[in-house]
Amino acid sequence: MSSGFSIFVVVVTLLNIAAAVWLLLWMRKRRGEESSTASDTTGHVWDGDLCEYNNPLPRWWLWLFILSVIFSLVYLVLYPGMGNARGTLGWTQQAQFEAMQAEQERKSQAMLAQFADRSPVELTRDPQALAVGRNLFANNCAACHGSDGRGAIGFPNLTDNDWLWGGEPDMIEASIRDGRQGVMAPWIDLLGPKGVDDVSAYVLSLSGRKAVSGNPATGKAQFETICVVCHGVDGTGNPALGAPNLADNIWVYGGSQLRVNESIAKGRMGVMPEHGERLGEVRVKLLTAYVISMGGQHGVTTAGL
């Protein structure tokens, strides 16, 4: 905080302590020092004879207040509380938080060590590993892919055996560890609205669907000119580029013609953040094992899990 605001905090703090001390001194009168006369009342009277008296605090109660003032002064010397003063102990909440994090990480690493030398496929057969992976998924992946891994508009379903970047265990692990970035260029300027309709009509026909508008035959010629580089001649995609399969009727951004038109016209920018540096190698393997256990991987049998 600024030096001016720091001075303000110090002044207000000291004034509050001084006010508390003054109040205690004002209430220090011992019982029996003065007779209980009308002058000892506050002046509040109810029903003609029920008076409110101004008696001193019980001594034990008064001493508790005194001890509270002493405690506050000691605390302000030892810990931050007087503006920018750090206190003689040098304590900060950031340092305590980092110490707690380090201790928790030490305990976590001791627990994770048992999984370090095992592959993700092996870990799919370990209930404890899958339990840890489920917690990691809930904390790091569920916000995008859903708690059940079935995704949402713009976020892939991890349970349907359809993968943009490949569904083999090592490819899943690479996606989690290094992240992915898929780019679909916008084509509205080149194709125009009618061309977008035609291409989307052809794309939908690849999975046996009929479009509301557009000419699939014209769209096929345009597709073979500008789209085959990424999606292939038959539209089945290219995992090396993250180009989706357009012939399986599975859609990341929605499969209605309106959604397909939007993807072609405006393009898409899909980003999967990398988790390797933040989570570490073992946690990435556990996450991979849990994603495999969802049943959407290639070439791994999870029967009985």
Protein backbone atom coordinates (compact mmCIF):
# COMPACT_ATOMS: atom_id res chain seq x y z
CA MET A 1 0.00 0.00 0.00
CA SER A 2 1.10 3.62 -0.42
CA SER A 3 2.97 5.37 2.40
CA GLY A 4 0.07 7.78 2.92
CA PHE A 5 -2.48 5.01 3.32
CA SER A 6 -0.04 3.12 5.55
CA ILE A 7 0.15 6.13 7.89
CA PHE A 8 -3.65 6.35 7.90
CA VAL A 9 -3.93 2.68 8.93
CA VAL A 10 -1.36 3.16 11.73
CA VAL A 11 -3.15 6.24 13.08
CA VAL A 12 -6.58 4.59 13.03
CA THR A 13 -5.22 1.44 14.71
CA LEU A 14 -3.50 3.37 17.50
CA LEU A 15 -6.54 5.59 18.05
CA ASN A 16 -8.72 2.51 18.45
CA ILE A 17 -6.36 1.02 21.03
CA ALA A 18 -6.15 4.37 22.85
CA ALA A 19 -9.96 4.62 22.91
CA ALA A 20 -10.18 1.12 24.39
CA VAL A 21 -7.65 2.03 27.10
CA TRP A 22 -9.54 5.24 27.93
CA LEU A 23 -12.80 3.31 28.22
CA LEU A 24 -11.16 0.81 30.58
CA LEU A 25 -9.78 3.62 32.76
CA TRP A 26 -13.18 5.27 32.84
CA MET A 27 -14.75 2.00 34.03
CA ARG A 28 -12.05 1.23 36.63
CA LYS A 29 -14.14 2.32 39.67
CA ARG A 30 -14.23 -0.49 42.22
CA ARG A 31 -17.47 -1.74 43.66
CA GLY A 32 -18.32 -0.11 46.96
CA GLU A 33 -16.30 3.04 46.32
CA GLU A 34 -19.50 5.03 45.99
CA SER A 35 -22.91 4.42 47.43
CA SER A 36 -25.68 3.37 45.09
CA THR A 37 -27.65 6.59 44.96
CA ALA A 38 -29.73 8.22 42.31
CA SER A 39 -26.54 9.80 40.92
CA ASP A 40 -25.34 6.30 39.92
CA THR A 41 -28.16 5.83 37.44
CA THR A 42 -28.08 6.55 33.74
CA GLY A 43 -31.31 8.51 33.98
CA HIS A 44 -33.36 5.84 32.21
CA VAL A 45 -36.51 4.96 34.16
CA TRP A 46 -39.34 2.58 33.20
CA ASP A 47 -42.73 2.19 34.84
CA GLY A 48 -41.93 4.97 37.26
CA ASP A 49 -39.53 3.01 39.49
CA LEU A 50 -37.41 0.73 37.31
CA CYS A 51 -34.02 2.48 36.96
CA GLU A 52 -30.95 1.64 34.89
CA TYR A 53 -27.84 1.84 37.11
CA ASN A 54 -24.31 2.65 35.95
CA ASN A 55 -22.41 -0.02 37.90
CA PRO A 56 -18.74 -0.89 37.18
CA LEU A 57 -17.80 -4.01 35.22
CA PRO A 58 -16.98 -7.18 37.19
CA ARG A 59 -13.21 -7.20 37.90
CA TRP A 60 -12.59 -10.45 35.96
CA TRP A 61 -14.34 -9.00 32.94
CA LEU A 62 -12.34 -5.78 33.16
CA TRP A 63 -9.09 -7.78 33.33
CA LEU A 64 -10.07 -9.70 30.20
CA PHE A 65 -10.37 -6.40 28.34
CA ILE A 66 -6.99 -5.28 29.68
CA LEU A 67 -5.40 -8.54 28.54
CA SER A 68 -7.00 -8.07 25.11
CA VAL A 69 -5.34 -4.66 24.75
CA ILE A 70 -1.97 -6.10 25.81
CA PHE A 71 -2.40 -8.98 23.34
CA SER A 72 -3.18 -6.55 20.51
CA LEU A 73 -0.02 -4.55 21.21
CA VAL A 74 2.14 -7.68 21.27
CA TYR A 75 0.50 -8.94 18.07
CA LEU A 76 1.16 -5.67 16.25
CA VAL A 77 4.82 -5.87 17.21
CA LEU A 78 5.22 -9.46 16.00
CA TYR A 79 2.95 -9.53 12.93
CA PRO A 80 1.93 -7.13 10.11
CA GLY A 81 -0.89 -4.84 11.14
CA MET A 82 0.59 -1.37 11.35
CA GLY A 83 0.42 -0.25 7.74
CA ASN A 84 3.51 -1.37 5.83
CA ALA A 85 5.31 -2.61 8.94
CA ARG A 86 6.15 -6.30 8.44
CA GLY A 87 6.40 -7.23 12.13
CA THR A 88 9.47 -8.57 13.91
CA LEU A 89 8.72 -12.20 12.88
CA GLY A 90 8.62 -11.31 9.18
CA TRP A 91 5.46 -13.37 8.64
CA THR A 92 3.44 -12.96 5.42
CA GLN A 93 0.36 -14.81 4.24
CA GLN A 94 2.07 -15.48 0.89
CA ALA A 95 5.03 -17.16 2.61
CA GLN A 96 2.70 -19.27 4.75
CA PHE A 97 0.66 -20.24 1.69
CA GLU A 98 3.79 -21.27 -0.20
CA ALA A 99 5.01 -23.29 2.79
CA MET A 100 1.67 -25.08 3.01
CA GLN A 101 1.77 -25.76 -0.73
CA ALA A 102 5.30 -27.15 -0.48
CA GLU A 103 4.31 -29.44 2.39
CA GLN A 104 1.25 -30.67 0.51
CA GLU A 105 3.33 -31.26 -2.62
CA ARG A 106 5.86 -33.25 -0.58
CA LYS A 107 3.09 -35.50 0.72
CA SER A 108 1.57 -35.81 -2.77
CA GLN A 109 4.90 -36.78 -4.33
CA ALA A 110 5.34 -39.51 -1.72
CA MET A 111 1.92 -40.90 -2.67
CA LEU A 112 2.51 -40.52 -6.43
CA ALA A 113 5.88 -42.30 -6.33
CA GLN A 114 4.16 -45.71 -6.50
CA PHE A 115 2.80 -44.85 -9.97
CA ALA A 116 5.94 -43.29 -11.44
CA ASP A 117 7.38 -46.35 -13.24
CA ARG A 118 4.12 -47.64 -14.71
CA SER A 119 2.57 -46.85 -18.09
CA PRO A 120 -0.88 -45.25 -18.43
CA VAL A 121 -2.26 -48.53 -19.80
CA GLU A 122 -0.99 -50.41 -16.72
CA LEU A 123 -2.51 -47.75 -14.48
CA THR A 124 -5.96 -48.34 -15.98
CA ARG A 125 -5.98 -51.64 -14.06
CA ASP A 126 -5.22 -50.02 -10.70
CA PRO A 127 -8.34 -48.75 -8.85
CA GLN A 128 -6.26 -46.42 -6.67
CA ALA A 129 -4.60 -44.86 -9.73
CA LEU A 130 -7.97 -44.35 -11.38
CA ALA A 131 -9.34 -42.75 -8.21
CA VAL A 132 -6.47 -40.24 -8.22
CA GLY A 133 -6.95 -39.70 -11.96
CA ARG A 134 -10.66 -39.04 -11.44
CA ASN A 135 -9.86 -36.33 -8.88
CA LEU A 136 -7.29 -34.78 -11.22
CA PHE A 137 -9.85 -34.82 -14.05
CA ALA A 138 -12.48 -33.16 -11.85
CA ASN A 139 -10.06 -30.40 -10.85
CA ASN A 140 -8.40 -29.76 -14.21
CA CYS A 141 -10.57 -31.06 -17.06
CA ALA A 142 -14.23 -31.22 -16.07
CA ALA A 143 -14.78 -27.49 -16.56
CA CYS A 144 -14.40 -27.99 -20.33
CA HIS A 145 -15.07 -31.68 -20.97
CA GLY A 146 -17.76 -32.17 -18.33
CA SER A 147 -17.62 -34.33 -15.22
CA ASP A 148 -18.47 -37.39 -17.37
CA GLY A 149 -16.01 -36.49 -20.13
CA ARG A 150 -18.73 -36.13 -22.75
CA GLY A 151 -17.75 -32.59 -23.64
CA ALA A 152 -19.91 -29.74 -24.89
CA ILE A 153 -20.10 -27.41 -27.89
CA GLY A 154 -16.47 -26.61 -28.70
CA PHE A 155 -15.06 -29.20 -26.28
CA PRO A 156 -14.47 -32.77 -27.53
CA ASN A 157 -16.25 -35.82 -26.15
CA LEU A 158 -13.58 -38.08 -24.62
CA THR A 159 -15.78 -41.19 -24.56
CA ASP A 160 -16.81 -41.63 -28.22
CA ASN A 161 -13.63 -43.08 -29.80
CA ASP A 162 -13.35 -40.04 -32.09
CA TRP A 163 -10.10 -38.10 -31.66
CA LEU A 164 -8.83 -34.99 -33.40
CA TRP A 165 -5.18 -35.76 -32.58
CA GLY A 166 -5.29 -39.54 -32.27
CA GLY A 167 -6.73 -41.80 -29.58
CA GLU A 168 -3.73 -44.04 -28.89
CA PRO A 169 -2.48 -43.85 -25.26
CA ASP A 170 0.72 -42.01 -26.19
CA MET A 171 -1.24 -39.45 -28.25
CA ILE A 172 -3.70 -38.87 -25.40
CA GLU A 173 -0.78 -38.39 -23.02
CA ALA A 174 0.88 -35.95 -25.44
CA SER A 175 -2.34 -33.93 -25.72
CA ILE A 176 -2.61 -33.61 -21.95
CA ARG A 177 1.08 -32.94 -21.41
CA ASP A 178 1.82 -30.54 -24.28
CA GLY A 179 -1.61 -29.19 -25.14
CA ARG A 180 -3.05 -28.74 -28.62
CA GLN A 181 -3.99 -25.84 -30.86
CA GLY A 182 -6.25 -26.43 -33.83
CA VAL A 183 -6.88 -23.79 -36.47
CA MET A 184 -9.72 -23.80 -39.00
CA ALA A 185 -9.30 -20.88 -41.39
CA PRO A 186 -12.33 -18.70 -42.27
CA TRP A 187 -13.49 -19.11 -45.89
CA ILE A 188 -16.35 -16.64 -46.23
CA ASP A 189 -14.25 -14.15 -48.22
CA LEU A 190 -13.23 -16.79 -50.74
CA LEU A 191 -16.49 -18.75 -51.01
CA GLY A 192 -19.16 -16.18 -50.31
CA PRO A 193 -22.48 -17.06 -48.61
CA LYS A 194 -23.64 -19.39 -51.44
CA GLY A 195 -20.30 -21.17 -51.56
CA VAL A 196 -20.43 -21.73 -47.81
CA ASP A 197 -23.90 -23.25 -48.20
CA ASP A 198 -22.68 -25.53 -51.00
CA VAL A 199 -19.63 -26.77 -49.10
CA SER A 200 -21.63 -27.38 -45.92
CA ALA A 201 -24.20 -29.32 -47.98
CA TYR A 202 -21.43 -31.55 -49.31
CA VAL A 203 -19.83 -31.95 -45.86
CA LEU A 204 -23.15 -33.09 -44.39
CA SER A 205 -23.60 -35.54 -47.27
CA LEU A 206 -20.35 -37.26 -46.26
CA SER A 207 -22.16 -38.64 -43.21
CA GLY A 208 -25.36 -39.41 -45.12
CA ARG A 209 -27.26 -36.27 -44.19
CA LYS A 210 -29.23 -33.89 -46.36
CA ALA A 211 -28.72 -30.16 -46.05
CA VAL A 212 -31.49 -27.58 -45.88
CA SER A 213 -29.79 -25.43 -48.51
CA GLY A 214 -26.83 -25.56 -50.87
CA ASN A 215 -25.75 -27.77 -53.75
CA PRO A 216 -23.63 -30.77 -52.67
CA ALA A 217 -22.25 -31.30 -56.20
CA THR A 218 -20.95 -27.73 -56.39
CA GLY A 219 -19.72 -27.99 -52.81
CA LYS A 220 -17.77 -31.15 -53.63
CA ALA A 221 -15.74 -29.33 -56.31
CA GLN A 222 -14.97 -26.52 -53.88
CA PHE A 223 -14.15 -29.00 -51.11
CA GLU A 224 -11.68 -30.81 -53.36
CA THR A 225 -10.02 -27.49 -54.11
CA ILE A 226 -9.60 -25.96 -50.65
CA CYS A 227 -10.44 -28.54 -47.96
CA VAL A 228 -8.71 -31.77 -48.95
CA VAL A 229 -5.30 -30.53 -47.74
CA CYS A 230 -6.44 -30.90 -44.14
CA HIS A 231 -9.52 -33.13 -44.20
CA GLY A 232 -8.45 -35.53 -46.96
CA VAL A 233 -10.13 -36.47 -50.22
CA ASP A 234 -12.74 -38.58 -48.43
CA GLY A 235 -13.18 -36.08 -45.57
CA THR A 236 -11.96 -38.50 -42.91
CA GLY A 237 -9.53 -35.96 -41.48
CA ASN A 238 -5.87 -35.99 -40.47
CA PRO A 239 -4.89 -36.57 -36.80
CA ALA A 240 -1.41 -35.19 -37.49
CA LEU A 241 -3.00 -31.78 -38.09
CA GLY A 242 -5.91 -32.13 -35.69
CA ALA A 243 -8.25 -31.97 -38.70
CA PRO A 244 -11.54 -33.68 -37.74
CA ASN A 245 -13.22 -36.55 -39.57
CA LEU A 246 -16.19 -35.03 -41.40
CA ALA A 247 -17.73 -38.37 -42.38
CA ASP A 248 -18.59 -39.87 -38.98
CA ASN A 249 -21.40 -37.48 -37.97
CA ILE A 250 -19.51 -36.47 -34.81
CA TRP A 251 -19.12 -32.72 -34.40
CA VAL A 252 -17.09 -30.68 -31.92
CA TYR A 253 -18.89 -27.41 -32.69
CA GLY A 254 -22.33 -28.84 -33.51
CA GLY A 255 -23.59 -30.70 -36.58
CA SER A 256 -26.53 -28.59 -37.71
CA GLN A 257 -26.08 -26.88 -41.07
CA LEU A 258 -26.12 -23.54 -39.27
CA ARG A 259 -23.18 -24.65 -37.09
CA VAL A 260 -21.30 -26.18 -40.02
CA ASN A 261 -21.83 -22.98 -42.03
CA GLU A 262 -20.45 -20.98 -39.13
CA SER A 263 -17.34 -23.16 -38.92
CA ILE A 264 -16.68 -22.82 -42.65
CA ALA A 265 -17.44 -19.10 -42.84
CA LYS A 266 -15.76 -17.86 -39.64
CA GLY A 267 -13.24 -20.60 -38.94
CA ARG A 268 -12.47 -22.11 -35.55
CA MET A 269 -9.64 -21.74 -33.05
CA GLY A 270 -9.53 -24.65 -30.63
CA VAL A 271 -7.02 -24.57 -27.77
CA MET A 272 -6.21 -27.35 -25.33
CA PRO A 273 -3.85 -25.87 -22.69
CA GLU A 274 -0.75 -27.83 -21.76
CA HIS A 275 -0.74 -29.41 -18.31
CA GLY A 276 2.68 -31.07 -18.18
CA GLU A 277 4.64 -28.29 -16.52
CA ARG A 278 1.97 -27.56 -13.93
CA LEU A 279 0.95 -31.12 -13.05
CA GLY A 280 4.16 -33.07 -13.60
CA GLU A 281 4.83 -36.35 -15.39
CA VAL A 282 3.14 -38.72 -12.94
CA ARG A 283 -0.11 -36.75 -12.72
CA VAL A 284 -0.24 -36.54 -16.52
CA LYS A 285 0.05 -40.35 -16.70
CA LEU A 286 -2.72 -40.75 -14.13
CA LEU A 287 -4.95 -38.37 -16.08
CA THR A 288 -4.18 -40.30 -19.26
CA ALA A 289 -5.12 -43.57 -17.54
CA TYR A 290 -8.41 -42.11 -16.37
CA VAL A 291 -9.26 -40.77 -19.84
CA ILE A 292 -8.45 -44.20 -21.29
CA SER A 293 -10.75 -45.80 -18.72
CA MET A 294 -13.64 -43.73 -20.07
CA GLY A 295 -13.66 -46.08 -23.04
CA GLY A 296 -12.91 -43.71 -25.92
CA GLN A 297 -9.30 -44.76 -26.61
CA HIS A 298 -7.95 -46.77 -29.56
CA GLY A 299 -6.39 -50.19 -29.17
CA VAL A 300 -6.80 -50.65 -25.40
CA THR A 301 -9.22 -53.08 -23.79
CA THR A 302 -10.77 -51.78 -20.58
CA ALA A 303 -13.28 -54.58 -20.01
CA GLY A 304 -13.76 -55.26 -16.34
CA LEU A 305 -12.60 -51.82 -15.19
